[in-house]
Amino acid sequence: MQTYTPEPTSPQSPASSTANHQPDDHTTSQVSGWLSPLLYLLGRHFLLPFFFREIQIIGQENIPLTGPVILAPTHRSRWDSLLLPYATGRCATGRDLRFMVSINECQGLQGWIVKAMGGFPIDTQHPAIASLRHAIELLEQGEILVIYPEGDIYRDGKLHPLKPGIARLSLIAESSHPGLNIKILPISINYGQPYPQRGTRVKISIGTTLNVADYAVGRVKQKAQNLTSDLALVLEELINQKSDHNLFTH
């Protein structure tokens, strides 16, 4: 999954620089009341246990149970988007996850599932203002929004430069609605092999939250850089945590 890096000019105009690309349509999304619970059930009790030999989750107590949250996970495989609901979704917290995904991943059967789970598309080449506004609306409603800060999938196990999109989007929302109290939750997903196969083990390390309000003072560019830098430091620490050797022994 890819994320868009917004270039806001002011808290009131989150993506004015993109206005010439697309009309400002209203983006909507919703979680299917019947399909989402079914998919959670099938994934948790059948698909994931069948495919993975072991799923180790560390730091689950760090997940906020209320209020707006942005999950900021590393991106190592397409399995990430199934493991995140397993580790942080309704079975763990009673909360659904809302994914911002690239528009090409909202096609066909995969797109139907993504939308049924509450995901919504964004054109990463010509992003519409409406998609960014919808992301902010979800945060205003106290939802959990998933954005991969590295953008693309990287299978080398190393942290790659983070896009500033999460910081900018969260700061826009927090500045526009003081007291919203947005949290950013860093998560490291580490597979036993670069291309997961049946029998692969996986470790999900959930860090402590970053409070966006703590970064909401100062120049826009500098505070976004500070937040992005701190997020990268926490993700780097999670990635470098010593793993149980047996977890990655086949």
Protein backbone atom coordinates (compact mmCIF):
# COMPACT_ATOMS: atom_id res chain seq x y z
CA MET A 1 0.00 0.00 0.00
CA GLN A 2 1.12 3.49 -0.71
CA THR A 3 0.45 6.72 1.07
CA TYR A 4 0.24 10.25 -0.25
CA THR A 5 2.46 12.99 1.10
CA PRO A 6 0.23 16.05 1.46
CA GLU A 7 1.66 19.49 0.90
CA PRO A 8 -0.66 21.73 2.91
CA THR A 9 -0.48 25.50 2.72
CA SER A 10 -2.53 26.08 5.85
CA PRO A 11 -4.53 24.08 8.42
CA GLN A 12 -7.73 25.22 6.71
CA SER A 13 -6.55 24.12 3.25
CA PRO A 14 -4.97 20.67 3.62
CA ALA A 15 -4.28 20.09 -0.04
CA SER A 16 -4.84 23.29 -1.93
CA SER A 17 -1.85 22.54 -4.14
CA THR A 18 -3.78 19.61 -5.66
CA ALA A 19 -6.97 21.47 -6.43
CA ASN A 20 -6.20 21.69 -10.14
CA HIS A 21 -5.87 17.93 -10.52
CA GLN A 22 -9.27 16.68 -9.44
CA PRO A 23 -12.64 18.15 -8.55
CA ASP A 24 -13.34 18.37 -4.84
CA ASP A 25 -15.73 15.44 -4.68
CA HIS A 26 -16.81 14.11 -1.33
CA THR A 27 -15.00 10.91 -0.35
CA THR A 28 -16.86 8.48 1.88
CA SER A 29 -16.16 5.08 3.39
CA GLN A 30 -17.86 2.69 5.75
CA VAL A 31 -17.29 -0.65 7.42
CA SER A 32 -19.65 -3.38 6.25
CA GLY A 33 -21.85 -4.42 9.14
CA TRP A 34 -21.94 -8.07 8.07
CA LEU A 35 -18.88 -8.69 5.92
CA SER A 36 -16.29 -7.05 8.17
CA PRO A 37 -17.04 -9.26 11.23
CA LEU A 38 -17.03 -12.32 8.97
CA LEU A 39 -13.66 -11.43 7.46
CA TYR A 40 -12.20 -10.75 10.91
CA LEU A 41 -13.44 -14.17 12.03
CA LEU A 42 -12.10 -16.03 8.98
CA GLY A 43 -8.77 -14.24 9.10
CA ARG A 44 -8.19 -14.68 12.82
CA HIS A 45 -9.24 -18.30 13.20
CA PHE A 46 -8.57 -19.83 9.77
CA LEU A 47 -6.45 -17.95 7.21
CA LEU A 48 -3.69 -16.52 9.41
CA PRO A 49 -3.25 -19.59 11.68
CA PHE A 50 -3.22 -21.78 8.55
CA PHE A 51 -0.55 -19.71 6.79
CA PHE A 52 1.73 -18.60 9.62
CA ARG A 53 3.50 -20.98 11.96
CA GLU A 54 3.51 -18.43 14.78
CA ILE A 55 2.35 -14.83 15.21
CA GLN A 56 4.08 -13.12 18.13
CA ILE A 57 2.61 -9.80 19.30
CA ILE A 58 4.49 -7.55 21.72
CA GLY A 59 3.15 -4.31 23.22
CA GLN A 60 -0.55 -4.85 22.60
CA GLU A 61 -1.26 -2.96 25.82
CA ASN A 62 0.01 0.21 24.09
CA ILE A 63 -2.96 0.39 21.71
CA PRO A 64 -5.34 3.24 22.69
CA LEU A 65 -8.85 1.94 23.24
CA THR A 66 -10.49 5.29 22.55
CA GLY A 67 -9.83 8.46 20.59
CA PRO A 68 -8.25 9.15 17.18
CA VAL A 69 -5.22 7.03 16.37
CA ILE A 70 -2.95 6.74 13.34
CA LEU A 71 -1.24 3.37 13.06
CA ALA A 72 2.21 3.84 11.51
CA PRO A 73 3.50 0.35 10.66
CA THR A 74 6.53 -0.73 8.67
CA HIS A 75 5.55 -2.22 5.31
CA ARG A 76 7.15 -5.57 4.51
CA SER A 77 4.45 -7.59 2.73
CA ARG A 78 0.85 -7.48 1.55
CA TRP A 79 0.16 -9.69 4.57
CA ASP A 80 0.71 -6.59 6.72
CA SER A 81 -2.82 -5.39 6.06
CA LEU A 82 -4.27 -8.68 7.33
CA LEU A 83 -1.98 -8.92 10.35
CA LEU A 84 -2.71 -5.38 11.54
CA PRO A 85 -6.43 -6.05 12.11
CA TYR A 86 -5.44 -9.33 13.79
CA ALA A 87 -3.13 -7.53 16.23
CA THR A 88 -4.95 -4.23 16.72
CA GLY A 89 -8.47 -4.57 15.33
CA ARG A 90 -11.86 -5.41 16.77
CA CYS A 91 -10.86 -8.74 18.32
CA ALA A 92 -8.05 -7.05 20.24
CA THR A 93 -9.53 -3.63 20.95
CA GLY A 94 -13.15 -3.67 19.81
CA ARG A 95 -12.22 -1.13 17.12
CA ASP A 96 -12.19 -1.31 13.31
CA LEU A 97 -9.24 -0.07 11.26
CA ARG A 98 -9.63 2.39 8.40
CA PHE A 99 -7.02 2.10 5.64
CA MET A 100 -5.93 4.85 3.26
CA VAL A 101 -4.77 2.91 0.19
CA SER A 102 -3.53 3.71 -3.29
CA ILE A 103 -6.29 3.76 -5.89
CA ASN A 104 -4.87 0.80 -7.84
CA GLU A 105 -5.37 -1.41 -4.78
CA CYS A 106 -9.10 -0.71 -4.78
CA GLN A 107 -9.80 -2.67 -7.95
CA GLY A 108 -11.50 -6.04 -8.37
CA LEU A 109 -12.00 -8.49 -5.50
CA GLN A 110 -9.22 -6.96 -3.41
CA GLY A 111 -10.78 -3.52 -3.78
CA TRP A 112 -14.19 -4.85 -2.78
CA ILE A 113 -12.71 -6.35 0.39
CA VAL A 114 -10.70 -3.19 1.18
CA LYS A 115 -13.82 -1.04 0.89
CA ALA A 116 -15.92 -3.50 2.91
CA MET A 117 -13.35 -3.22 5.69
CA GLY A 118 -13.63 0.58 5.71
CA GLY A 119 -10.73 1.41 3.42
CA PHE A 120 -10.79 4.25 0.94
CA PRO A 121 -8.63 5.07 -2.09
CA ILE A 122 -6.35 7.98 -2.82
CA ASP A 123 -4.72 8.74 -6.15
CA THR A 124 -1.07 9.10 -5.15
CA GLN A 125 -0.21 10.84 -8.42
CA HIS A 126 -3.05 13.36 -8.42
CA PRO A 127 -4.58 13.28 -4.92
CA ALA A 128 -7.98 14.81 -4.43
CA ILE A 129 -8.61 17.23 -1.61
CA ALA A 130 -11.65 15.15 -0.68
CA SER A 131 -9.55 12.09 0.21
CA LEU A 132 -7.42 14.10 2.61
CA ARG A 133 -10.47 15.74 4.14
CA HIS A 134 -12.05 12.33 4.63
CA ALA A 135 -8.95 11.12 6.48
CA ILE A 136 -9.25 14.13 8.79
CA GLU A 137 -12.98 13.46 9.22
CA LEU A 138 -12.21 9.92 10.39
CA LEU A 139 -9.76 11.26 12.95
CA GLU A 140 -12.37 13.77 14.12
CA GLN A 141 -14.73 10.83 14.63
CA GLY A 142 -12.18 9.07 16.82
CA GLU A 143 -11.33 6.30 14.35
CA ILE A 144 -8.13 4.32 13.88
CA LEU A 145 -6.51 5.25 10.56
CA VAL A 146 -3.72 3.15 9.02
CA ILE A 147 -1.03 4.88 6.97
CA TYR A 148 2.24 3.19 6.01
CA PRO A 149 4.88 5.89 6.59
CA GLU A 150 7.48 4.30 4.30
CA GLY A 151 4.97 4.27 1.44
CA ASP A 152 6.12 1.18 -0.47
CA ILE A 153 6.90 -2.39 0.56
CA TYR A 154 10.55 -2.97 1.54
CA ARG A 155 11.71 -6.52 2.18
CA ASP A 156 15.27 -5.88 3.39
CA GLY A 157 14.22 -5.50 7.04
CA LYS A 158 15.59 -1.96 7.26
CA LEU A 159 13.72 1.25 7.93
CA HIS A 160 13.49 3.43 4.84
CA PRO A 161 13.01 7.23 4.83
CA LEU A 162 9.55 8.11 6.07
CA LYS A 163 7.18 10.20 4.01
CA PRO A 164 6.07 13.35 5.85
CA GLY A 165 2.40 12.65 5.10
CA ILE A 166 1.47 11.24 8.50
CA ALA A 167 3.00 14.18 10.36
CA ARG A 168 1.45 16.80 8.12
CA LEU A 169 -1.99 15.23 8.06
CA SER A 170 -2.10 14.71 11.82
CA LEU A 171 -0.82 18.24 12.54
CA ILE A 172 -3.42 19.74 10.23
CA ALA A 173 -6.18 17.83 12.04
CA GLU A 174 -4.85 18.68 15.50
CA SER A 175 -4.33 22.36 14.66
CA SER A 176 -7.78 22.67 13.11
CA HIS A 177 -9.43 20.97 16.10
CA PRO A 178 -7.45 21.75 19.28
CA GLY A 179 -7.96 19.09 21.92
CA LEU A 180 -8.53 16.30 19.39
CA ASN A 181 -5.57 14.53 21.01
CA ILE A 182 -4.43 12.42 18.06
CA LYS A 183 -2.03 9.58 18.85
CA ILE A 184 0.44 8.03 16.40
CA LEU A 185 1.23 4.38 17.15
CA PRO A 186 4.50 3.01 15.68
CA ILE A 187 4.43 -0.69 14.75
CA SER A 188 7.17 -2.95 13.41
CA ILE A 189 6.22 -6.06 11.45
CA ASN A 190 9.06 -8.54 11.05
CA TYR A 191 8.79 -11.77 9.05
CA GLY A 192 11.08 -14.76 9.31
CA GLN A 193 11.81 -14.45 5.58
CA PRO A 194 11.53 -11.63 3.03
CA TYR A 195 8.74 -13.31 1.06
CA PRO A 196 6.43 -14.98 3.59
CA GLN A 197 5.44 -18.54 2.76
CA ARG A 198 3.31 -21.02 4.61
CA GLY A 199 5.03 -21.81 7.89
CA THR A 200 6.69 -18.39 8.19
CA ARG A 201 6.86 -16.87 11.66
CA VAL A 202 6.09 -13.22 12.23
CA LYS A 203 6.71 -10.78 15.05
CA ILE A 204 4.61 -7.63 15.54
CA SER A 205 6.12 -5.07 17.91
CA ILE A 206 3.85 -2.24 19.02
CA GLY A 207 5.56 0.83 20.44
CA THR A 208 4.30 3.63 22.66
CA THR A 209 2.25 6.43 21.16
CA LEU A 210 3.45 9.83 20.05
CA ASN A 211 1.12 12.69 21.03
CA VAL A 212 0.59 14.95 18.04
CA ALA A 213 -0.38 17.88 20.27
CA ASP A 214 3.17 17.90 21.63
CA TYR A 215 4.39 18.90 18.17
CA ALA A 216 1.68 21.44 17.35
CA VAL A 217 3.72 24.52 18.29
CA GLY A 218 6.15 26.26 15.98
CA ARG A 219 6.69 26.53 12.24
CA VAL A 220 4.67 24.07 10.17
CA LYS A 221 7.61 22.60 8.28
CA GLN A 222 9.82 22.26 11.35
CA LYS A 223 7.21 20.62 13.57
CA ALA A 224 6.36 18.12 10.83
CA GLN A 225 10.05 17.29 10.50
CA ASN A 226 10.37 16.83 14.25
CA LEU A 227 7.38 14.51 14.42
CA THR A 228 8.59 12.48 11.43
CA SER A 229 12.08 12.23 12.94
CA ASP A 230 10.78 11.02 16.30
CA LEU A 231 8.52 8.49 14.60
CA ALA A 232 11.50 7.15 12.66
CA LEU A 233 13.53 6.81 15.87
CA VAL A 234 10.83 4.76 17.58
CA LEU A 235 10.35 2.53 14.52
CA GLU A 236 14.11 1.99 14.32
CA GLU A 237 14.15 0.92 17.97
CA LEU A 238 11.30 -1.51 17.41
CA ILE A 239 12.99 -3.01 14.36
CA ASN A 240 16.27 -3.44 16.23
CA GLN A 241 14.74 -5.09 19.28
CA LYS A 242 16.31 -8.47 19.88
CA SER A 243 13.98 -11.22 18.79
CA ASP A 244 13.59 -14.65 20.24
CA HIS A 245 16.07 -16.58 18.07
CA ASN A 246 13.69 -19.50 17.76
CA LEU A 247 11.08 -17.24 16.20
CA PHE A 248 13.07 -17.07 12.98
CA THR A 249 14.45 -20.58 12.92
CA HIS A 250 12.88 -22.88 10.39
